[in-house]
């Protein structure tokens, strides 16, 4: 009986801890999380904007990880995104 009580208590604690952790990742006021432009991380045709001369905007990058095409990512994560061509950049990447 004691083992069952301890198991239920542990399960309840895990559920509460998980809920608290998830609550911390979502903004409390319903605002969107801060985003930043990250160059060199988008796949061909999947950029959010800016893909160099002769392009109109979103979805116009010609190749994967194009250095002058950017995608919005959560603020503070850009330079930690690893690609086959290196890390993401907060400024356009020169070829």
PDB file of N, CA and C in Angstrom:
ATOM      1  N   UNK A   1       0.814  -1.180   0.000  1.00  0.00           N
ATOM      2  CA  UNK A   1       0.000   0.000   0.000  1.00  0.00           C
ATOM      3  C   UNK A   1       0.868   1.258   0.000  1.00  0.00           C
ATOM      4  N   UNK A   2       1.947   1.227   0.770  1.00  0.00           N
ATOM      5  CA  UNK A   2       2.843   2.381   0.838  1.00  0.00           C
ATOM      6  C   UNK A   2       3.512   2.600  -0.515  1.00  0.00           C
ATOM      7  N   UNK A   3       3.904   1.522  -1.194  1.00  0.00           N
ATOM      8  CA  UNK A   3       4.541   1.627  -2.506  1.00  0.00           C
ATOM      9  C   UNK A   3       3.600   2.286  -3.499  1.00  0.00           C
ATOM     10  N   UNK A   4       2.333   1.925  -3.449  1.00  0.00           N
ATOM     11  CA  UNK A   4       1.347   2.509  -4.368  1.00  0.00           C
ATOM     12  C   UNK A   4       1.181   4.004  -4.091  1.00  0.00           C
ATOM     13  N   UNK A   5       1.138   4.386  -2.848  1.00  0.00           N
ATOM     14  CA  UNK A   5       1.005   5.798  -2.480  1.00  0.00           C
ATOM     15  C   UNK A   5       2.220   6.585  -2.946  1.00  0.00           C
ATOM     16  N   UNK A   6       3.404   6.011  -2.758  1.00  0.00           N
ATOM     17  CA  UNK A   6       4.630   6.683  -3.200  1.00  0.00           C
ATOM     18  C   UNK A   6       4.655   6.819  -4.717  1.00  0.00           C
ATOM     19  N   UNK A   7       4.217   5.784  -5.432  1.00  0.00           N
ATOM     20  CA  UNK A   7       4.183   5.829  -6.891  1.00  0.00           C
ATOM     21  C   UNK A   7       3.228   6.903  -7.386  1.00  0.00           C
ATOM     22  N   UNK A   8       2.053   6.983  -6.799  1.00  0.00           N
ATOM     23  CA  UNK A   8       1.080   8.006  -7.184  1.00  0.00           C
ATOM     24  C   UNK A   8       1.592   9.399  -6.854  1.00  0.00           C
ATOM     25  N   UNK A   9       2.250   9.536  -5.720  1.00  0.00           N
ATOM     26  CA  UNK A   9       2.828  10.825  -5.342  1.00  0.00           C
ATOM     27  C   UNK A   9       3.914  11.250  -6.317  1.00  0.00           C
ATOM     28  N   UNK A  10       4.759  10.313  -6.700  1.00  0.00           N
ATOM     29  CA  UNK A  10       5.834  10.611  -7.655  1.00  0.00           C
ATOM     30  C   UNK A  10       5.253  10.981  -9.011  1.00  0.00           C
ATOM     31  N   UNK A  11       4.224  10.269  -9.440  1.00  0.00           N
ATOM     32  CA  UNK A  11       3.575  10.562 -10.712  1.00  0.00           C
ATOM     33  C   UNK A  11       2.959  11.962 -10.696  1.00  0.00           C
ATOM     34  N   UNK A  12       2.310  12.318  -9.604  1.00  0.00           N
ATOM     35  CA  UNK A  12       1.708  13.648  -9.475  1.00  0.00           C
ATOM     36  C   UNK A  12       2.786  14.727  -9.513  1.00  0.00           C
ATOM     37  N   UNK A  13       3.902  14.489  -8.852  1.00  0.00           N
ATOM     38  CA  UNK A  13       5.002  15.454  -8.840  1.00  0.00           C
ATOM     39  C   UNK A  13       5.573  15.640 -10.240  1.00  0.00           C
ATOM     40  N   UNK A  14       5.743  14.567 -10.977  1.00  0.00           N
ATOM     41  CA  UNK A  14       6.245  14.650 -12.350  1.00  0.00           C
ATOM     42  C   UNK A  14       5.278  15.444 -13.217  1.00  0.00           C
ATOM     43  N   UNK A  15       3.993  15.196 -13.079  1.00  0.00           N
ATOM     44  CA  UNK A  15       2.983  15.909 -13.871  1.00  0.00           C
ATOM     45  C   UNK A  15       3.009  17.399 -13.556  1.00  0.00           C
ATOM     46  N   UNK A  16       3.094  17.758 -12.300  1.00  0.00           N
ATOM     47  CA  UNK A  16       3.139  19.171 -11.912  1.00  0.00           C
ATOM     48  C   UNK A  16       4.416  19.843 -12.408  1.00  0.00           C
ATOM     49  N   UNK A  17       5.533  19.163 -12.307  1.00  0.00           N
ATOM     50  CA  UNK A  17       6.807  19.713 -12.757  1.00  0.00           C
ATOM     51  C   UNK A  17       6.791  19.921 -14.261  1.00  0.00           C
ATOM     52  N   UNK A  18       6.252  18.969 -15.000  1.00  0.00           N
ATOM     53  CA  UNK A  18       6.172  19.095 -16.458  1.00  0.00           C
ATOM     54  C   UNK A  18       5.294  20.273 -16.842  1.00  0.00           C
ATOM     55  N   UNK A  19       4.170  20.418 -16.171  1.00  0.00           N
ATOM     56  CA  UNK A  19       3.273  21.531 -16.455  1.00  0.00           C
ATOM     57  C   UNK A  19       3.930  22.873 -16.180  1.00  0.00           C
ATOM     58  N   UNK A  20       4.685  22.961 -15.101  1.00  0.00           N
ATOM     59  CA  UNK A  20       5.377  24.208 -14.768  1.00  0.00           C
ATOM     60  C   UNK A  20       6.445  24.518 -15.810  1.00  0.00           C
ATOM     61  N   UNK A  21       7.157  23.516 -16.273  1.00  0.00           N
ATOM     62  CA  UNK A  21       8.190  23.728 -17.284  1.00  0.00           C
ATOM     63  C   UNK A  21       7.575  24.199 -18.600  1.00  0.00           C
ATOM     64  N   UNK A  22       6.450  23.618 -18.980  1.00  0.00           N
ATOM     65  CA  UNK A  22       5.791  24.024 -20.215  1.00  0.00           C
ATOM     66  C   UNK A  22       5.237  25.433 -20.097  1.00  0.00           C
ATOM     67  N   UNK A  23       4.759  25.802 -18.943  1.00  0.00           N
ATOM     68  CA  UNK A  23       4.194  27.139 -18.742  1.00  0.00           C
ATOM     69  C   UNK A  23       5.268  28.208 -18.884  1.00  0.00           C
ATOM     70  N   UNK A  24       6.499  27.898 -18.549  1.00  0.00           N
ATOM     71  CA  UNK A  24       7.575  28.879 -18.628  1.00  0.00           C
ATOM     72  C   UNK A  24       7.969  29.171 -20.062  1.00  0.00           C
ATOM     73  N   UNK A  25       7.726  28.276 -20.994  1.00  0.00           N
ATOM     74  CA  UNK A  25       8.129  28.493 -22.384  1.00  0.00           C
ATOM     75  C   UNK A  25       7.116  29.321 -23.160  1.00  0.00           C
ATOM     76  N   UNK A  26       5.892  29.444 -22.682  1.00  0.00           N
ATOM     77  CA  UNK A  26       4.865  30.211 -23.375  1.00  0.00           C
ATOM     78  C   UNK A  26       4.697  31.568 -22.694  1.00  0.00           C
ATOM     79  N   UNK A  27       4.574  32.622 -23.481  1.00  0.00           N
ATOM     80  CA  UNK A  27       4.367  33.933 -22.886  1.00  0.00           C
ATOM     81  C   UNK A  27       3.057  33.970 -22.097  1.00  0.00           C
ATOM     82  N   UNK A  28       3.063  34.624 -20.960  1.00  0.00           N
ATOM     83  CA  UNK A  28       1.888  34.684 -20.103  1.00  0.00           C
ATOM     84  C   UNK A  28       0.802  35.595 -20.665  1.00  0.00           C
ATOM     85  N   UNK A  29       1.192  36.644 -21.394  1.00  0.00           N
ATOM     86  CA  UNK A  29       0.209  37.618 -21.851  1.00  0.00           C
ATOM     87  C   UNK A  29      -0.306  37.337 -23.262  1.00  0.00           C
ATOM     88  N   UNK A  30       0.035  36.204 -23.823  1.00  0.00           N
ATOM     89  CA  UNK A  30      -0.424  35.844 -25.157  1.00  0.00           C
ATOM     90  C   UNK A  30       0.407  36.459 -26.270  1.00  0.00           C
ATOM     91  N   UNK A  31       1.455  37.203 -25.929  1.00  0.00           N
ATOM     92  CA  UNK A  31       2.312  37.825 -26.931  1.00  0.00           C
ATOM     93  C   UNK A  31       3.166  36.761 -27.618  1.00  0.00           C
ATOM     94  N   UNK A  32       3.555  37.049 -28.836  1.00  0.00           N
ATOM     95  CA  UNK A  32       4.424  36.130 -29.559  1.00  0.00           C
ATOM     96  C   UNK A  32       5.840  36.261 -29.017  1.00  0.00           C
ATOM     97  N   UNK A  33       6.602  35.170 -29.016  1.00  0.00           N
ATOM     98  CA  UNK A  33       7.986  35.261 -28.541  1.00  0.00           C
ATOM     99  C   UNK A  33       8.807  36.158 -29.468  1.00  0.00           C
ATOM    100  N   UNK A  34       9.843  36.779 -28.929  1.00  0.00           N
ATOM    101  CA  UNK A  34      10.709  37.647 -29.728  1.00  0.00           C
ATOM    102  C   UNK A  34      11.394  36.815 -30.807  1.00  0.00           C
ATOM    103  N   UNK A  35      11.448  37.373 -32.003  1.00  0.00           N
ATOM    104  CA  UNK A  35      12.057  36.677 -33.135  1.00  0.00           C
ATOM    105  C   UNK A  35      13.175  37.541 -33.700  1.00  0.00           C
ATOM    106  N   UNK A  36      14.124  36.907 -34.409  1.00  0.00           N
ATOM    107  CA  UNK A  36      15.196  37.633 -35.067  1.00  0.00           C
ATOM    108  C   UNK A  36      15.465  37.024 -36.433  1.00  0.00           C
ATOM    109  N   UNK A  37      16.025  37.839 -37.323  1.00  0.00           N
ATOM    110  CA  UNK A  37      16.385  37.356 -38.657  1.00  0.00           C
ATOM    111  C   UNK A  37      17.654  36.523 -38.535  1.00  0.00           C
ATOM    112  N   UNK A  38      17.659  35.366 -39.185  1.00  0.00           N
ATOM    113  CA  UNK A  38      18.821  34.490 -39.152  1.00  0.00           C
ATOM    114  C   UNK A  38      19.176  34.106 -40.582  1.00  0.00           C
ATOM    115  N   UNK A  39      20.358  34.517 -41.014  1.00  0.00           N
ATOM    116  CA  UNK A  39      20.817  34.269 -42.376  1.00  0.00           C
ATOM    117  C   UNK A  39      21.504  32.918 -42.493  1.00  0.00           C
ATOM    118  N   UNK A  40      21.305  32.288 -43.652  1.00  0.00           N
ATOM    119  CA  UNK A  40      22.008  31.047 -43.967  1.00  0.00           C
ATOM    120  C   UNK A  40      21.403  29.781 -43.412  1.00  0.00           C
ATOM    121  N   UNK A  41      20.199  29.847 -42.864  1.00  0.00           N
ATOM    122  CA  UNK A  41      19.607  28.647 -42.266  1.00  0.00           C
ATOM    123  C   UNK A  41      18.397  28.105 -43.030  1.00  0.00           C
ATOM    124  N   UNK A  42      17.866  28.881 -43.971  1.00  0.00           N
ATOM    125  CA  UNK A  42      16.653  28.441 -44.675  1.00  0.00           C
ATOM    126  C   UNK A  42      16.981  27.474 -45.812  1.00  0.00           C
ATOM    127  N   UNK A  43      15.999  26.675 -46.139  1.00  0.00           N
ATOM    128  CA  UNK A  43      16.121  25.759 -47.263  1.00  0.00           C
ATOM    129  C   UNK A  43      15.662  26.492 -48.527  1.00  0.00           C
ATOM    130  N   UNK A  44      16.017  25.970 -49.694  1.00  0.00           N
ATOM    131  CA  UNK A  44      15.654  26.602 -50.964  1.00  0.00           C
ATOM    132  C   UNK A  44      14.148  26.839 -51.030  1.00  0.00           C
ATOM    133  N   UNK A  45      13.769  28.085 -51.334  1.00  0.00           N
ATOM    134  CA  UNK A  45      12.368  28.433 -51.462  1.00  0.00           C
ATOM    135  C   UNK A  45      11.613  28.546 -50.154  1.00  0.00           C
ATOM    136  N   UNK A  46      12.276  28.450 -49.021  1.00  0.00           N
ATOM    137  CA  UNK A  46      11.620  28.485 -47.713  1.00  0.00           C
ATOM    138  C   UNK A  46      12.049  29.686 -46.872  1.00  0.00           C
ATOM    139  N   UNK A  47      12.751  30.651 -47.480  1.00  0.00           N
ATOM    140  CA  UNK A  47      13.188  31.822 -46.712  1.00  0.00           C
ATOM    141  C   UNK A  47      12.009  32.736 -46.421  1.00  0.00           C
ATOM    142  N   UNK A  48      12.138  33.546 -45.368  1.00  0.00           N
ATOM    143  CA  UNK A  48      11.082  34.496 -45.025  1.00  0.00           C
ATOM    144  C   UNK A  48      11.213  35.775 -45.848  1.00  0.00           C
ATOM    145  N   UNK A  49      12.406  36.159 -46.226  1.00  0.00           N
ATOM    146  CA  UNK A  49      12.600  37.328 -47.080  1.00  0.00           C
ATOM    147  C   UNK A  49      14.088  37.492 -47.408  1.00  0.00           C
ATOM    148  N   UNK A  50      14.373  38.467 -48.257  1.00  0.00           N
ATOM    149  CA  UNK A  50      15.733  38.836 -48.659  1.00  0.00           C
ATOM    150  C   UNK A  50      16.543  37.652 -49.183  1.00  0.00           C
ATOM    151  N   UNK A  51      16.579  37.523 -50.467  1.00  0.00           N
ATOM    152  CA  UNK A  51      17.364  36.454 -51.077  1.00  0.00           C
ATOM    153  C   UNK A  51      18.248  37.000 -52.186  1.00  0.00           C
ATOM    154  N   UNK A  52      18.630  38.242 -52.085  1.00  0.00           N
ATOM    155  CA  UNK A  52      19.575  38.831 -53.028  1.00  0.00           C
ATOM    156  C   UNK A  52      18.927  39.529 -54.201  1.00  0.00           C
ATOM    157  N   UNK A  53      19.755  40.112 -55.056  1.00  0.00           N
ATOM    158  CA  UNK A  53      19.276  40.857 -56.221  1.00  0.00           C
ATOM    159  C   UNK A  53      18.432  39.987 -57.145  1.00  0.00           C
ATOM    160  N   UNK A  54      17.381  40.585 -57.695  1.00  0.00           N
ATOM    161  CA  UNK A  54      16.555  39.863 -58.650  1.00  0.00           C
ATOM    162  C   UNK A  54      15.486  38.998 -58.023  1.00  0.00           C
ATOM    163  N   UNK A  55      15.353  39.034 -56.696  1.00  0.00           N
ATOM    164  CA  UNK A  55      14.307  38.252 -56.034  1.00  0.00           C
ATOM    165  C   UNK A  55      13.305  39.201 -55.395  1.00  0.00           C
ATOM    166  N   UNK A  56      12.100  38.719 -55.205  1.00  0.00           N
ATOM    167  CA  UNK A  56      11.055  39.579 -54.666  1.00  0.00           C
ATOM    168  C   UNK A  56      10.993  39.533 -53.146  1.00  0.00           C
ATOM    169  N   UNK A  57      11.051  38.386 -52.563  1.00  0.00           N
ATOM    170  CA  UNK A  57      11.023  38.298 -51.095  1.00  0.00           C
ATOM    171  C   UNK A  57      10.886  36.852 -50.647  1.00  0.00           C
ATOM    172  N   UNK A  58       9.856  36.571 -49.852  1.00  0.00           N
ATOM    173  CA  UNK A  58       9.688  35.250 -49.249  1.00  0.00           C
ATOM    174  C   UNK A  58       9.605  34.138 -50.290  1.00  0.00           C
ATOM    175  N   UNK A  59      10.269  33.032 -49.994  1.00  0.00           N
ATOM    176  CA  UNK A  59      10.215  31.853 -50.847  1.00  0.00           C
ATOM    177  C   UNK A  59      10.998  31.960 -52.139  1.00  0.00           C
ATOM    178  N   UNK A  60      11.966  32.871 -52.196  1.00  0.00           N
ATOM    179  CA  UNK A  60      12.689  33.087 -53.449  1.00  0.00           C
ATOM    180  C   UNK A  60      14.148  32.651 -53.414  1.00  0.00           C
ATOM    181  N   UNK A  61      14.610  32.065 -52.318  1.00  0.00           N
ATOM    182  CA  UNK A  61      16.003  31.613 -52.292  1.00  0.00           C
ATOM    183  C   UNK A  61      16.172  30.454 -53.270  1.00  0.00           C
ATOM    184  N   UNK A  62      17.313  30.404 -53.891  1.00  0.00           N
ATOM    185  CA  UNK A  62      17.568  29.422 -54.959  1.00  0.00           C
ATOM    186  C   UNK A  62      18.232  28.145 -54.466  1.00  0.00           C
ATOM    187  N   UNK A  63      18.873  28.189 -53.272  1.00  0.00           N
ATOM    188  CA  UNK A  63      19.565  26.997 -52.774  1.00  0.00           C
ATOM    189  C   UNK A  63      19.455  26.916 -51.258  1.00  0.00           C
ATOM    190  N   UNK A  64      19.673  25.729 -50.736  1.00  0.00           N
ATOM    191  CA  UNK A  64      19.664  25.524 -49.292  1.00  0.00           C
ATOM    192  C   UNK A  64      20.774  26.335 -48.641  1.00  0.00           C
ATOM    193  N   UNK A  65      20.485  26.917 -47.499  1.00  0.00           N
ATOM    194  CA  UNK A  65      21.451  27.648 -46.676  1.00  0.00           C
ATOM    195  C   UNK A  65      22.103  28.808 -47.419  1.00  0.00           C
ATOM    196  N   UNK A  66      21.338  29.456 -48.287  1.00  0.00           N
ATOM    197  CA  UNK A  66      21.826  30.607 -49.044  1.00  0.00           C
ATOM    198  C   UNK A  66      22.180  31.726 -48.061  1.00  0.00           C
ATOM    199  N   UNK A  67      23.372  32.272 -48.166  1.00  0.00           N
ATOM    200  CA  UNK A  67      23.889  33.231 -47.195  1.00  0.00           C
ATOM    201  C   UNK A  67      23.176  34.563 -47.126  1.00  0.00           C
ATOM    202  N   UNK A  68      22.497  34.963 -48.202  1.00  0.00           N
ATOM    203  CA  UNK A  68      21.811  36.260 -48.176  1.00  0.00           C
ATOM    204  C   UNK A  68      20.304  36.120 -48.001  1.00  0.00           C
ATOM    205  N   UNK A  69      19.828  34.930 -47.666  1.00  0.00           N
ATOM    206  CA  UNK A  69      18.409  34.686 -47.412  1.00  0.00           C
ATOM    207  C   UNK A  69      18.235  34.424 -45.916  1.00  0.00           C
ATOM    208  N   UNK A  70      17.178  35.019 -45.334  1.00  0.00           N
ATOM    209  CA  UNK A  70      16.988  34.829 -43.900  1.00  0.00           C
ATOM    210  C   UNK A  70      15.642  34.209 -43.576  1.00  0.00           C
ATOM    211  N   UNK A  71      15.574  33.700 -42.348  1.00  0.00           N
ATOM    212  CA  UNK A  71      14.364  33.098 -41.803  1.00  0.00           C
ATOM    213  C   UNK A  71      14.226  33.604 -40.374  1.00  0.00           C
ATOM    214  N   UNK A  72      12.989  33.857 -39.931  1.00  0.00           N
ATOM    215  CA  UNK A  72      12.777  34.245 -38.540  1.00  0.00           C
ATOM    216  C   UNK A  72      12.965  33.036 -37.632  1.00  0.00           C
ATOM    217  N   UNK A  73      13.724  33.229 -36.557  1.00  0.00           N
ATOM    218  CA  UNK A  73      13.940  32.197 -35.542  1.00  0.00           C
ATOM    219  C   UNK A  73      13.757  32.851 -34.172  1.00  0.00           C
ATOM    220  N   UNK A  74      13.500  32.067 -33.130  1.00  0.00           N
ATOM    221  CA  UNK A  74      13.381  32.657 -31.793  1.00  0.00           C
ATOM    222  C   UNK A  74      14.656  33.430 -31.419  1.00  0.00           C
ATOM    223  N   UNK A  75      14.467  34.599 -30.822  1.00  0.00           N
ATOM    224  CA  UNK A  75      15.601  35.448 -30.454  1.00  0.00           C
ATOM    225  C   UNK A  75      16.604  34.686 -29.591  1.00  0.00           C
ATOM    226  N   UNK A  76      17.881  34.858 -29.921  1.00  0.00           N
ATOM    227  CA  UNK A  76      18.946  34.224 -29.161  1.00  0.00           C
ATOM    228  C   UNK A  76      19.350  32.850 -29.650  1.00  0.00           C
ATOM    229  N   UNK A  77      18.684  32.330 -30.699  1.00  0.00           N
ATOM    230  CA  UNK A  77      19.007  30.976 -31.158  1.00  0.00           C
ATOM    231  C   UNK A  77      19.778  30.945 -32.477  1.00  0.00           C
ATOM    232  N   UNK A  78      19.794  32.044 -33.215  1.00  0.00           N
ATOM    233  CA  UNK A  78      20.360  32.042 -34.559  1.00  0.00           C
ATOM    234  C   UNK A  78      21.787  31.498 -34.621  1.00  0.00           C
ATOM    235  N   UNK A  79      22.663  32.053 -33.829  1.00  0.00           N
ATOM    236  CA  UNK A  79      24.079  31.671 -33.926  1.00  0.00           C
ATOM    237  C   UNK A  79      24.366  30.288 -33.352  1.00  0.00           C
ATOM    238  N   UNK A  80      23.345  29.617 -32.839  1.00  0.00           N
ATOM    239  CA  UNK A  80      23.534  28.252 -32.352  1.00  0.00           C
ATOM    240  C   UNK A  80      23.015  27.219 -33.348  1.00  0.00           C
ATOM    241  N   UNK A  81      22.416  27.682 -34.453  1.00  0.00           N
ATOM    242  CA  UNK A  81      21.878  26.770 -35.464  1.00  0.00           C
ATOM    243  C   UNK A  81      23.008  26.324 -36.383  1.00  0.00           C
ATOM    244  N   UNK A  82      23.265  25.029 -36.392  1.00  0.00           N
ATOM    245  CA  UNK A  82      24.351  24.475 -37.204  1.00  0.00           C
ATOM    246  C   UNK A  82      23.804  24.022 -38.554  1.00  0.00           C
ATOM    247  N   UNK A  83      24.498  24.392 -39.628  1.00  0.00           N
ATOM    248  CA  UNK A  83      24.129  23.977 -40.983  1.00  0.00           C
ATOM    249  C   UNK A  83      25.353  23.332 -41.628  1.00  0.00           C
ATOM    250  N   UNK A  84      25.185  22.694 -42.779  1.00  0.00           N
ATOM    251  CA  UNK A  84      26.347  22.118 -43.462  1.00  0.00           C
ATOM    252  C   UNK A  84      27.380  23.173 -43.870  1.00  0.00           C
ATOM    253  N   UNK A  85      26.961  24.443 -43.905  1.00  0.00           N
ATOM    254  CA  UNK A  85      27.858  25.521 -44.311  1.00  0.00           C
ATOM    255  C   UNK A  85      28.394  26.324 -43.123  1.00  0.00           C
ATOM    256  N   UNK A  86      28.096  25.890 -41.913  1.00  0.00           N
ATOM    257  CA  UNK A  86      28.529  26.606 -40.711  1.00  0.00           C
ATOM    258  C   UNK A  86      27.337  26.961 -39.845  1.00  0.00           C
ATOM    259  N   UNK A  87      27.500  27.988 -39.025  1.00  0.00           N
ATOM    260  CA  UNK A  87      26.456  28.394 -38.098  1.00  0.00           C
ATOM    261  C   UNK A  87      25.594  29.488 -38.716  1.00  0.00           C
ATOM    262  N   UNK A  88      24.372  29.659 -38.194  1.00  0.00           N
ATOM    263  CA  UNK A  88      23.505  30.747 -38.607  1.00  0.00           C
ATOM    264  C   UNK A  88      24.163  32.073 -38.269  1.00  0.00           C
ATOM    265  N   UNK A  89      23.741  33.133 -38.959  1.00  0.00           N
ATOM    266  CA  UNK A  89      24.352  34.447 -38.777  1.00  0.00           C
ATOM    267  C   UNK A  89      23.286  35.532 -38.658  1.00  0.00           C
ATOM    268  N   UNK A  90      23.564  36.548 -37.842  1.00  0.00           N
ATOM    269  CA  UNK A  90      22.649  37.670 -37.681  1.00  0.00           C
ATOM    270  C   UNK A  90      22.823  38.684 -38.819  1.00  0.00           C
ATOM    271  N   UNK A  91      23.842  38.526 -39.650  1.00  0.00           N
ATOM    272  CA  UNK A  91      24.098  39.396 -40.795  1.00  0.00           C
ATOM    273  C   UNK A  91      24.236  38.514 -42.031  1.00  0.00           C
ATOM    274  N   UNK A  92      23.981  39.071 -43.231  1.00  0.00           N
ATOM    275  CA  UNK A  92      24.127  38.266 -44.450  1.00  0.00           C
ATOM    276  C   UNK A  92      25.527  37.637 -44.524  1.00  0.00           C
ATOM    277  N   UNK A  93      25.571  36.436 -45.025  1.00  0.00           N
ATOM    278  CA  UNK A  93      26.838  35.698 -45.141  1.00  0.00           C
ATOM    279  C   UNK A  93      27.351  35.877 -46.570  1.00  0.00           C
ATOM    280  N   UNK A  94      28.544  36.382 -46.702  1.00  0.00           N
ATOM    281  CA  UNK A  94      29.166  36.565 -48.024  1.00  0.00           C
ATOM    282  C   UNK A  94      29.679  35.219 -48.513  1.00  0.00           C
ATOM    283  N   UNK A  95      29.473  34.957 -49.786  1.00  0.00           N
ATOM    284  CA  UNK A  95      29.893  33.663 -50.368  1.00  0.00           C
ATOM    285  C   UNK A  95      31.363  33.604 -50.627  1.00  0.00           C
TER     286      UNK A  95
END
